[in-house]
Amino acid sequence: MTLKTALKMTAAAASLAILAGCASTSALEEVRMTAESAQADAAEARSMASQAMNTANQAQRDAQAALQMSQQNREEMNRMFQRSMQK
């Protein structure tokens, strides 16, 4: 469940409780539980997004290192080729 969906559900539940005019304790408790669930879902989504960002950053660093190594290898191969052609 996304944060927006959870917040919409919370808002809908709250407005239904208010519009009913008879906001009983059980209805208020249900709204509170829905809000707490939405907060927990949002925290989980935030955590997952943070983990995904960390993984993406590590992949970017690995790709940059691989590119640098590839360029160094190409330069070394070119130097070796030039030396062999001079002999």
Protein backbone atom coordinates (compact mmCIF):
# COMPACT_ATOMS: atom_id res chain seq x y z
CA MET A 1 0.00 0.00 0.00
CA THR A 2 1.45 3.33 -0.95
CA LEU A 3 1.58 6.34 1.30
CA LYS A 4 -0.93 8.25 -0.81
CA THR A 5 -3.39 5.36 -0.75
CA ALA A 6 -3.04 4.96 2.98
CA LEU A 7 -3.54 8.68 3.56
CA LYS A 8 -6.62 8.69 1.30
CA MET A 9 -8.05 5.76 3.21
CA THR A 10 -7.37 7.51 6.51
CA ALA A 11 -9.00 10.71 5.31
CA ALA A 12 -12.00 8.81 3.98
CA ALA A 13 -12.42 6.90 7.23
CA ALA A 14 -12.13 10.10 9.25
CA SER A 15 -14.67 11.95 7.12
CA LEU A 16 -17.11 9.04 7.30
CA ALA A 17 -16.83 9.05 11.07
CA ILE A 18 -17.44 12.81 11.21
CA LEU A 19 -20.29 12.75 8.66
CA ALA A 20 -22.03 10.00 10.56
CA GLY A 21 -22.56 12.53 13.32
CA CYS A 22 -22.28 9.80 15.88
CA ALA A 23 -18.60 9.20 16.19
CA SER A 24 -18.51 6.31 18.59
CA THR A 25 -15.42 5.22 20.43
CA SER A 26 -15.06 2.15 18.23
CA ALA A 27 -15.21 4.28 15.07
CA LEU A 28 -12.57 6.64 16.42
CA GLU A 29 -10.44 3.66 17.40
CA GLU A 30 -10.77 2.28 13.86
CA VAL A 31 -9.68 5.62 12.40
CA ARG A 32 -6.73 5.75 14.79
CA MET A 33 -5.68 2.23 13.85
CA THR A 34 -5.96 3.06 10.16
CA ALA A 35 -3.80 6.15 10.67
CA GLU A 36 -1.20 4.14 12.59
CA SER A 37 -1.18 1.53 9.85
CA ALA A 38 -0.68 4.24 7.25
CA GLN A 39 2.23 5.64 9.22
CA ALA A 40 3.81 2.19 9.50
CA ASP A 41 3.37 1.62 5.77
CA ALA A 42 4.93 5.00 5.02
CA ALA A 43 7.91 4.24 7.26
CA GLU A 44 8.39 0.87 5.53
CA ALA A 45 8.18 2.52 2.10
CA ARG A 46 10.71 5.13 3.18
CA SER A 47 13.06 2.41 4.39
CA MET A 48 12.72 0.44 1.17
CA ALA A 49 13.37 3.57 -0.90
CA SER A 50 16.47 4.30 1.13
CA GLN A 51 17.76 0.75 0.59
CA ALA A 52 17.06 1.01 -3.13
CA MET A 53 18.94 4.31 -3.31
CA ASN A 54 21.92 2.80 -1.50
CA THR A 55 21.95 -0.16 -3.90
CA ALA A 56 21.73 2.15 -6.91
CA ASN A 57 24.58 4.29 -5.60
CA GLN A 58 26.75 1.21 -5.09
CA ALA A 59 25.95 0.00 -8.61
CA GLN A 60 26.94 3.41 -9.98
CA ARG A 61 30.26 3.29 -8.11
CA ASP A 62 30.91 -0.24 -9.40
CA ALA A 63 30.12 0.79 -12.97
CA GLN A 64 32.45 3.78 -12.74
CA ALA A 65 35.26 1.58 -11.40
CA ALA A 66 34.72 -0.96 -14.18
CA LEU A 67 34.78 1.77 -16.81
CA GLN A 68 37.99 3.21 -15.40
CA MET A 69 39.61 -0.23 -15.35
CA SER A 70 38.50 -0.88 -18.91
CA GLN A 71 39.99 2.41 -20.08
CA GLN A 72 43.27 1.65 -18.30
CA ASN A 73 43.41 -1.80 -19.90
CA ARG A 74 42.78 -0.33 -23.35
CA GLU A 75 45.57 2.20 -22.88
CA GLU A 76 47.96 -0.55 -21.76
CA MET A 77 47.01 -2.73 -24.74
CA ASN A 78 47.61 0.19 -27.09
CA ARG A 79 51.04 0.81 -25.56
CA MET A 80 51.90 -2.88 -25.90
CA PHE A 81 50.75 -2.86 -29.52
CA GLN A 82 52.83 0.23 -30.26
CA ARG A 83 55.92 -1.39 -28.70
CA SER A 84 55.44 -4.56 -30.73
CA MET A 85 55.08 -2.55 -33.94
CA GLN A 86 58.33 -0.68 -33.26
CA LYS A 87 60.39 -3.86 -33.02
